[in-house]
Amino acid sequence: MFSHVFVSVSDFERALGFYRPLMESLGVAMRFCERERPWAGWHAAGGTRPFFVICKPHDGRPHAPGNGQMVAFAAADRAMVRSAHAIALAQGGRCEGPPGLRPEYHPHYYGAYFRDPDGNKFCVACHDPEPGAPGSA
């Protein structure tokens, strides 16, 4: 469905330091990093789209996070949700909701929420039941 998602940042090097370990924890590979531009992008499994890209705003104006906007990353399991959230906080992110079940979305929704150092909001979510739990394969 998506070709790419761009998230603007105010300090590219700081953002790169935040996103590299976060993307690694999610098993997402870096596709490119051009500091002179500056921008960096990660791609989905297999080296195809969609891309997740960080960059300074193209119009040269200061970065401003959007109210009500959020990007959610898929996690393979609940441990990955917990790990990604912990890495985000260790890299200067701010907690917006600790890892846990959110049954108001669906019975197996396990997610965590955080903001990056620029205030952009993210979620990491696993939609599968806990292995061995009722409803799991």
N, C-alpha and C. Protein backbone atom coordinates (compact mmCIF):
# COMPACT_ATOMS: atom_id res chain seq x y z
N MET A 1 0.81 -1.19 0.00
CA MET A 1 0.00 0.00 0.00
C MET A 1 0.86 1.26 0.00
N PHE A 2 1.97 1.27 0.75
CA PHE A 2 2.79 2.46 0.85
C PHE A 2 4.04 2.34 -0.01
N SER A 3 4.42 3.44 -0.61
CA SER A 3 5.69 3.52 -1.32
C SER A 3 6.79 3.90 -0.34
N HIS A 4 6.53 4.98 0.44
CA HIS A 4 7.51 5.42 1.42
C HIS A 4 6.85 6.34 2.44
N VAL A 5 7.48 6.40 3.59
CA VAL A 5 7.04 7.28 4.67
C VAL A 5 8.24 8.15 5.03
N PHE A 6 8.06 9.47 4.96
CA PHE A 6 9.11 10.41 5.33
C PHE A 6 8.77 11.00 6.69
N VAL A 7 9.78 11.11 7.55
CA VAL A 7 9.63 11.77 8.84
C VAL A 7 10.73 12.82 8.91
N SER A 8 10.35 14.06 9.13
CA SER A 8 11.37 15.10 9.19
C SER A 8 11.99 15.17 10.57
N VAL A 9 13.23 15.64 10.59
CA VAL A 9 14.01 15.75 11.82
C VAL A 9 14.71 17.10 11.82
N SER A 10 15.06 17.58 13.00
CA SER A 10 15.74 18.87 13.09
C SER A 10 17.26 18.71 13.10
N ASP A 11 17.75 17.62 13.68
CA ASP A 11 19.19 17.37 13.78
C ASP A 11 19.44 15.99 13.19
N PHE A 12 19.95 15.94 11.97
CA PHE A 12 20.08 14.68 11.25
C PHE A 12 20.98 13.69 11.97
N GLU A 13 22.14 14.11 12.45
CA GLU A 13 23.06 13.18 13.12
C GLU A 13 22.44 12.61 14.40
N ARG A 14 21.77 13.44 15.16
CA ARG A 14 21.09 12.95 16.38
C ARG A 14 20.02 11.93 15.99
N ALA A 15 19.24 12.26 14.95
CA ALA A 15 18.19 11.35 14.50
C ALA A 15 18.77 10.04 14.00
N LEU A 16 19.86 10.11 13.27
CA LEU A 16 20.50 8.90 12.76
C LEU A 16 20.94 8.02 13.94
N GLY A 17 21.47 8.62 14.98
CA GLY A 17 21.86 7.88 16.18
C GLY A 17 20.67 7.25 16.87
N PHE A 18 19.51 7.85 16.77
CA PHE A 18 18.28 7.31 17.35
C PHE A 18 17.74 6.16 16.51
N TYR A 19 17.63 6.36 15.19
CA TYR A 19 16.96 5.40 14.32
C TYR A 19 17.78 4.18 13.95
N ARG A 20 19.09 4.30 13.85
CA ARG A 20 19.89 3.11 13.48
C ARG A 20 19.66 1.94 14.43
N PRO A 21 19.83 2.10 15.75
CA PRO A 21 19.59 0.95 16.62
C PRO A 21 18.12 0.54 16.69
N LEU A 22 17.20 1.49 16.55
CA LEU A 22 15.79 1.15 16.56
C LEU A 22 15.43 0.27 15.37
N MET A 23 15.86 0.68 14.18
CA MET A 23 15.56 -0.10 12.97
C MET A 23 16.23 -1.47 13.03
N GLU A 24 17.45 -1.51 13.55
CA GLU A 24 18.15 -2.79 13.70
C GLU A 24 17.36 -3.72 14.61
N SER A 25 16.80 -3.20 15.70
CA SER A 25 16.03 -4.04 16.62
C SER A 25 14.78 -4.60 15.96
N LEU A 26 14.27 -3.91 14.95
CA LEU A 26 13.09 -4.36 14.22
C LEU A 26 13.44 -5.23 13.02
N GLY A 27 14.72 -5.44 12.80
CA GLY A 27 15.15 -6.27 11.67
C GLY A 27 15.00 -5.58 10.33
N VAL A 28 15.03 -4.24 10.34
CA VAL A 28 14.86 -3.46 9.11
C VAL A 28 16.23 -2.97 8.67
N ALA A 29 16.59 -3.23 7.42
CA ALA A 29 17.92 -2.91 6.91
C ALA A 29 18.01 -1.49 6.35
N MET A 30 19.17 -0.86 6.58
CA MET A 30 19.39 0.47 6.00
C MET A 30 19.61 0.31 4.50
N ARG A 31 18.96 1.15 3.73
CA ARG A 31 19.09 1.11 2.27
C ARG A 31 20.06 2.18 1.80
N PHE A 32 20.01 3.37 2.42
CA PHE A 32 20.92 4.44 2.02
C PHE A 32 21.08 5.43 3.17
N CYS A 33 22.19 6.13 3.14
CA CYS A 33 22.46 7.22 4.09
C CYS A 33 23.34 8.22 3.37
N GLU A 34 22.80 9.41 3.15
CA GLU A 34 23.53 10.48 2.47
C GLU A 34 23.58 11.68 3.41
N ARG A 35 24.64 11.79 4.17
CA ARG A 35 24.76 12.86 5.16
C ARG A 35 24.77 14.24 4.51
N GLU A 36 25.31 14.35 3.30
CA GLU A 36 25.40 15.65 2.65
C GLU A 36 24.03 16.18 2.23
N ARG A 37 23.04 15.32 2.10
CA ARG A 37 21.72 15.73 1.63
C ARG A 37 20.89 16.39 2.72
N PRO A 38 20.70 16.12 3.91
CA PRO A 38 20.91 14.84 4.57
C PRO A 38 19.61 14.03 4.57
N TRP A 39 19.78 12.71 4.35
CA TRP A 39 18.66 11.79 4.49
C TRP A 39 19.18 10.37 4.61
N ALA A 40 18.34 9.51 5.18
CA ALA A 40 18.67 8.09 5.32
C ALA A 40 17.37 7.31 5.21
N GLY A 41 17.46 6.10 4.66
CA GLY A 41 16.26 5.30 4.48
C GLY A 41 16.49 3.84 4.77
N TRP A 42 15.46 3.22 5.26
CA TRP A 42 15.45 1.79 5.56
C TRP A 42 14.34 1.15 4.74
N HIS A 43 14.50 -0.12 4.40
CA HIS A 43 13.50 -0.77 3.56
C HIS A 43 12.97 -2.03 4.22
N ALA A 44 11.84 -2.45 3.72
CA ALA A 44 11.21 -3.68 4.20
C ALA A 44 12.04 -4.89 3.80
N ALA A 45 11.69 -6.03 4.35
CA ALA A 45 12.39 -7.28 4.05
C ALA A 45 12.48 -7.51 2.55
N GLY A 46 13.61 -8.00 2.11
CA GLY A 46 13.79 -8.27 0.69
C GLY A 46 14.27 -7.08 -0.10
N GLY A 47 14.49 -5.95 0.53
CA GLY A 47 15.02 -4.78 -0.16
C GLY A 47 14.03 -4.08 -1.05
N THR A 48 12.77 -4.22 -0.75
CA THR A 48 11.74 -3.59 -1.57
C THR A 48 11.03 -2.50 -0.77
N ARG A 49 10.14 -1.83 -1.41
CA ARG A 49 9.34 -0.83 -0.73
C ARG A 49 8.38 -1.54 0.21
N PRO A 50 7.91 -0.87 1.22
CA PRO A 50 8.03 0.56 1.46
C PRO A 50 9.35 0.93 2.12
N PHE A 51 9.72 2.20 1.96
CA PHE A 51 10.87 2.78 2.63
C PHE A 51 10.39 3.62 3.79
N PHE A 52 11.21 3.66 4.83
CA PHE A 52 11.04 4.62 5.92
C PHE A 52 12.24 5.55 5.82
N VAL A 53 11.99 6.83 5.72
CA VAL A 53 13.05 7.81 5.47
C VAL A 53 13.02 8.92 6.51
N ILE A 54 14.22 9.29 7.00
CA ILE A 54 14.35 10.48 7.83
C ILE A 54 15.09 11.53 7.02
N CYS A 55 14.72 12.78 7.20
CA CYS A 55 15.35 13.85 6.44
C CYS A 55 15.04 15.19 7.10
N LYS A 56 15.80 16.19 6.72
CA LYS A 56 15.46 17.55 7.14
C LYS A 56 14.31 18.00 6.24
N PRO A 57 13.45 18.89 6.71
CA PRO A 57 12.34 19.34 5.86
C PRO A 57 12.84 19.91 4.52
N HIS A 58 12.23 19.47 3.46
CA HIS A 58 12.63 19.85 2.11
C HIS A 58 12.52 21.37 1.87
N ASP A 59 11.54 21.99 2.50
CA ASP A 59 11.34 23.42 2.26
C ASP A 59 12.29 24.31 3.07
N GLY A 60 13.15 23.69 3.88
CA GLY A 60 14.13 24.47 4.64
C GLY A 60 13.59 25.08 5.92
N ARG A 61 12.31 24.96 6.14
CA ARG A 61 11.71 25.52 7.36
C ARG A 61 11.97 24.57 8.52
N PRO A 62 11.82 25.04 9.75
CA PRO A 62 12.07 24.18 10.91
C PRO A 62 11.10 23.00 10.97
N HIS A 63 11.59 21.90 11.52
CA HIS A 63 10.76 20.72 11.74
C HIS A 63 9.68 21.04 12.77
N ALA A 64 8.50 20.48 12.57
CA ALA A 64 7.41 20.56 13.55
C ALA A 64 6.64 19.24 13.49
N PRO A 65 6.55 18.50 14.61
CA PRO A 65 5.79 17.24 14.58
C PRO A 65 4.30 17.51 14.39
N GLY A 66 3.63 16.61 13.70
CA GLY A 66 2.20 16.77 13.45
C GLY A 66 1.36 16.24 14.60
N ASN A 67 0.36 16.98 14.96
CA ASN A 67 -0.57 16.55 15.99
C ASN A 67 -1.53 15.53 15.39
N GLY A 68 -1.62 14.37 16.02
CA GLY A 68 -2.50 13.32 15.52
C GLY A 68 -1.87 12.42 14.49
N GLN A 69 -0.60 12.64 14.17
CA GLN A 69 0.10 11.79 13.21
C GLN A 69 0.97 10.79 13.95
N MET A 70 1.06 9.57 13.40
CA MET A 70 1.87 8.53 14.01
C MET A 70 2.23 7.52 12.93
N VAL A 71 3.42 6.96 13.07
CA VAL A 71 3.87 5.87 12.21
C VAL A 71 3.97 4.64 13.11
N ALA A 72 3.42 3.51 12.65
CA ALA A 72 3.47 2.28 13.43
C ALA A 72 4.29 1.24 12.69
N PHE A 73 5.26 0.66 13.39
CA PHE A 73 6.10 -0.39 12.84
C PHE A 73 5.58 -1.74 13.30
N ALA A 74 5.61 -2.73 12.41
CA ALA A 74 5.18 -4.08 12.75
C ALA A 74 6.34 -4.82 13.42
N ALA A 75 6.03 -5.55 14.47
CA ALA A 75 7.00 -6.37 15.17
C ALA A 75 6.64 -7.83 15.00
N ALA A 76 7.65 -8.67 14.91
CA ALA A 76 7.44 -10.11 14.71
C ALA A 76 6.84 -10.77 15.94
N ASP A 77 7.13 -10.23 17.12
CA ASP A 77 6.61 -10.81 18.35
C ASP A 77 6.62 -9.75 19.45
N ARG A 78 6.10 -10.11 20.59
CA ARG A 78 5.97 -9.16 21.70
C ARG A 78 7.32 -8.78 22.28
N ALA A 79 8.28 -9.71 22.26
CA ALA A 79 9.62 -9.39 22.75
C ALA A 79 10.25 -8.29 21.90
N MET A 80 9.98 -8.30 20.60
CA MET A 80 10.50 -7.27 19.71
C MET A 80 9.87 -5.92 20.04
N VAL A 81 8.60 -5.91 20.40
CA VAL A 81 7.93 -4.66 20.81
C VAL A 81 8.65 -4.10 22.04
N ARG A 82 8.87 -4.94 23.03
CA ARG A 82 9.53 -4.49 24.26
C ARG A 82 10.95 -4.00 23.99
N SER A 83 11.68 -4.73 23.17
CA SER A 83 13.06 -4.35 22.86
C SER A 83 13.12 -3.02 22.11
N ALA A 84 12.29 -2.86 21.10
CA ALA A 84 12.30 -1.61 20.32
C ALA A 84 11.93 -0.42 21.20
N HIS A 85 10.94 -0.59 22.06
CA HIS A 85 10.54 0.50 22.96
C HIS A 85 11.69 0.87 23.89
N ALA A 86 12.35 -0.14 24.46
CA ALA A 86 13.48 0.12 25.37
C ALA A 86 14.62 0.83 24.64
N ILE A 87 14.90 0.42 23.42
CA ILE A 87 15.96 1.06 22.63
C ILE A 87 15.59 2.50 22.32
N ALA A 88 14.34 2.74 21.94
CA ALA A 88 13.90 4.11 21.65
C ALA A 88 14.11 5.01 22.87
N LEU A 89 13.74 4.54 24.05
CA LEU A 89 13.89 5.35 25.25
C LEU A 89 15.37 5.54 25.59
N ALA A 90 16.19 4.51 25.41
CA ALA A 90 17.62 4.61 25.69
C ALA A 90 18.33 5.57 24.75
N GLN A 91 17.75 5.77 23.56
CA GLN A 91 18.35 6.67 22.57
C GLN A 91 17.79 8.09 22.65
N GLY A 92 17.07 8.40 23.70
CA GLY A 92 16.56 9.76 23.88
C GLY A 92 15.10 9.95 23.55
N GLY A 93 14.39 8.86 23.25
CA GLY A 93 12.95 8.96 23.00
C GLY A 93 12.18 9.14 24.29
N ARG A 94 10.90 9.47 24.16
CA ARG A 94 10.02 9.69 25.31
C ARG A 94 8.85 8.72 25.24
N CYS A 95 8.55 8.06 26.34
CA CYS A 95 7.47 7.08 26.38
C CYS A 95 6.12 7.76 26.22
N GLU A 96 5.30 7.17 25.36
CA GLU A 96 3.92 7.63 25.16
C GLU A 96 2.93 6.52 25.50
N GLY A 97 3.43 5.40 26.00
CA GLY A 97 2.61 4.25 26.37
C GLY A 97 3.48 3.02 26.41
N PRO A 98 3.67 2.42 27.58
CA PRO A 98 4.57 1.27 27.70
C PRO A 98 4.05 0.05 26.95
N PRO A 99 4.93 -0.92 26.71
CA PRO A 99 4.50 -2.15 26.04
C PRO A 99 3.37 -2.84 26.82
N GLY A 100 2.38 -3.30 26.09
CA GLY A 100 1.29 -4.02 26.72
C GLY A 100 0.16 -4.30 25.76
N LEU A 101 -0.76 -5.12 26.22
CA LEU A 101 -1.96 -5.43 25.43
C LEU A 101 -2.85 -4.20 25.35
N ARG A 102 -3.47 -4.03 24.20
CA ARG A 102 -4.45 -2.98 23.98
C ARG A 102 -5.70 -3.64 23.39
N PRO A 103 -6.47 -4.37 24.23
CA PRO A 103 -7.60 -5.15 23.70
C PRO A 103 -8.70 -4.28 23.11
N GLU A 104 -8.67 -2.98 23.36
CA GLU A 104 -9.67 -2.11 22.73
C GLU A 104 -9.49 -2.04 21.22
N TYR A 105 -8.29 -2.42 20.72
CA TYR A 105 -8.04 -2.47 19.27
C TYR A 105 -8.40 -3.84 18.72
N HIS A 106 -7.89 -4.89 19.34
CA HIS A 106 -8.29 -6.27 19.08
C HIS A 106 -7.65 -7.13 20.16
N PRO A 107 -8.13 -8.36 20.36
CA PRO A 107 -7.69 -9.15 21.52
C PRO A 107 -6.19 -9.42 21.63
N HIS A 108 -5.48 -9.43 20.51
CA HIS A 108 -4.06 -9.78 20.55
C HIS A 108 -3.14 -8.58 20.29
N TYR A 109 -3.69 -7.39 20.19
CA TYR A 109 -2.88 -6.21 19.89
C TYR A 109 -1.95 -5.92 21.06
N TYR A 110 -0.64 -6.02 20.79
CA TYR A 110 0.38 -5.75 21.80
C TYR A 110 1.26 -4.64 21.24
N GLY A 111 1.24 -3.49 21.87
CA GLY A 111 1.97 -2.36 21.31
C GLY A 111 2.65 -1.51 22.37
N ALA A 112 3.52 -0.64 21.89
CA ALA A 112 4.21 0.33 22.71
C ALA A 112 4.33 1.62 21.91
N TYR A 113 4.30 2.75 22.59
CA TYR A 113 4.29 4.05 21.93
C TYR A 113 5.41 4.92 22.47
N PHE A 114 6.00 5.72 21.58
CA PHE A 114 7.07 6.63 22.00
C PHE A 114 7.19 7.77 21.00
N ARG A 115 7.90 8.79 21.41
CA ARG A 115 8.25 9.91 20.53
C ARG A 115 9.75 9.93 20.36
N ASP A 116 10.19 10.28 19.16
CA ASP A 116 11.63 10.42 18.92
C ASP A 116 12.09 11.75 19.51
N PRO A 117 13.40 12.06 19.46
CA PRO A 117 13.87 13.31 20.05
C PRO A 117 13.29 14.58 19.42
N ASP A 118 12.71 14.46 18.21
CA ASP A 118 12.07 15.61 17.57
C ASP A 118 10.58 15.71 17.86
N GLY A 119 10.03 14.76 18.62
CA GLY A 119 8.61 14.80 18.97
C GLY A 119 7.70 14.02 18.04
N ASN A 120 8.25 13.35 17.01
CA ASN A 120 7.44 12.52 16.12
C ASN A 120 6.96 11.29 16.90
N LYS A 121 5.70 10.92 16.72
CA LYS A 121 5.12 9.80 17.47
C LYS A 121 5.17 8.51 16.67
N PHE A 122 5.53 7.42 17.39
CA PHE A 122 5.66 6.10 16.79
C PHE A 122 5.01 5.05 17.67
N CYS A 123 4.69 3.94 17.02
CA CYS A 123 4.20 2.76 17.70
C CYS A 123 4.96 1.57 17.14
N VAL A 124 5.18 0.58 17.98
CA VAL A 124 5.66 -0.72 17.53
C VAL A 124 4.59 -1.70 18.00
N ALA A 125 4.06 -2.50 17.08
CA ALA A 125 2.93 -3.36 17.42
C ALA A 125 3.10 -4.77 16.87
N CYS A 126 2.65 -5.73 17.67
CA CYS A 126 2.55 -7.13 17.26
C CYS A 126 1.06 -7.49 17.31
N HIS A 127 0.57 -8.11 16.26
CA HIS A 127 -0.85 -8.44 16.18
C HIS A 127 -1.15 -9.91 16.43
N ASP A 128 -0.12 -10.67 16.76
CA ASP A 128 -0.27 -12.11 16.95
C ASP A 128 -0.46 -12.45 18.43
N PRO A 129 -1.17 -13.54 18.70
CA PRO A 129 -1.28 -13.98 20.10
C PRO A 129 0.07 -14.47 20.62
N GLU A 130 0.22 -14.46 21.92
CA GLU A 130 1.43 -15.00 22.55
C GLU A 130 1.50 -16.49 22.22
N PRO A 131 2.67 -17.00 21.80
CA PRO A 131 2.77 -18.44 21.50
C PRO A 131 2.31 -19.27 22.69
N GLY A 132 1.52 -20.27 22.42
CA GLY A 132 1.00 -21.14 23.47
C GLY A 132 -0.29 -20.64 24.10
N ALA A 133 -0.70 -19.41 23.78
CA ALA A 133 -1.93 -18.85 24.32
C ALA A 133 -3.12 -19.33 23.50
N PRO A 134 -4.31 -19.32 24.08
CA PRO A 134 -5.51 -19.68 23.31
C PRO A 134 -5.61 -18.78 22.07
N GLY A 135 -5.88 -19.37 20.95
CA GLY A 135 -6.01 -18.62 19.70
C GLY A 135 -4.73 -18.56 18.91
N SER A 136 -3.62 -19.09 19.49
CA SER A 136 -2.37 -19.10 18.72
C SER A 136 -2.26 -20.41 17.97
N ALA A 137 -1.46 -20.38 16.95
CA ALA A 137 -1.29 -21.59 16.10
C ALA A 137 -0.28 -22.52 16.68
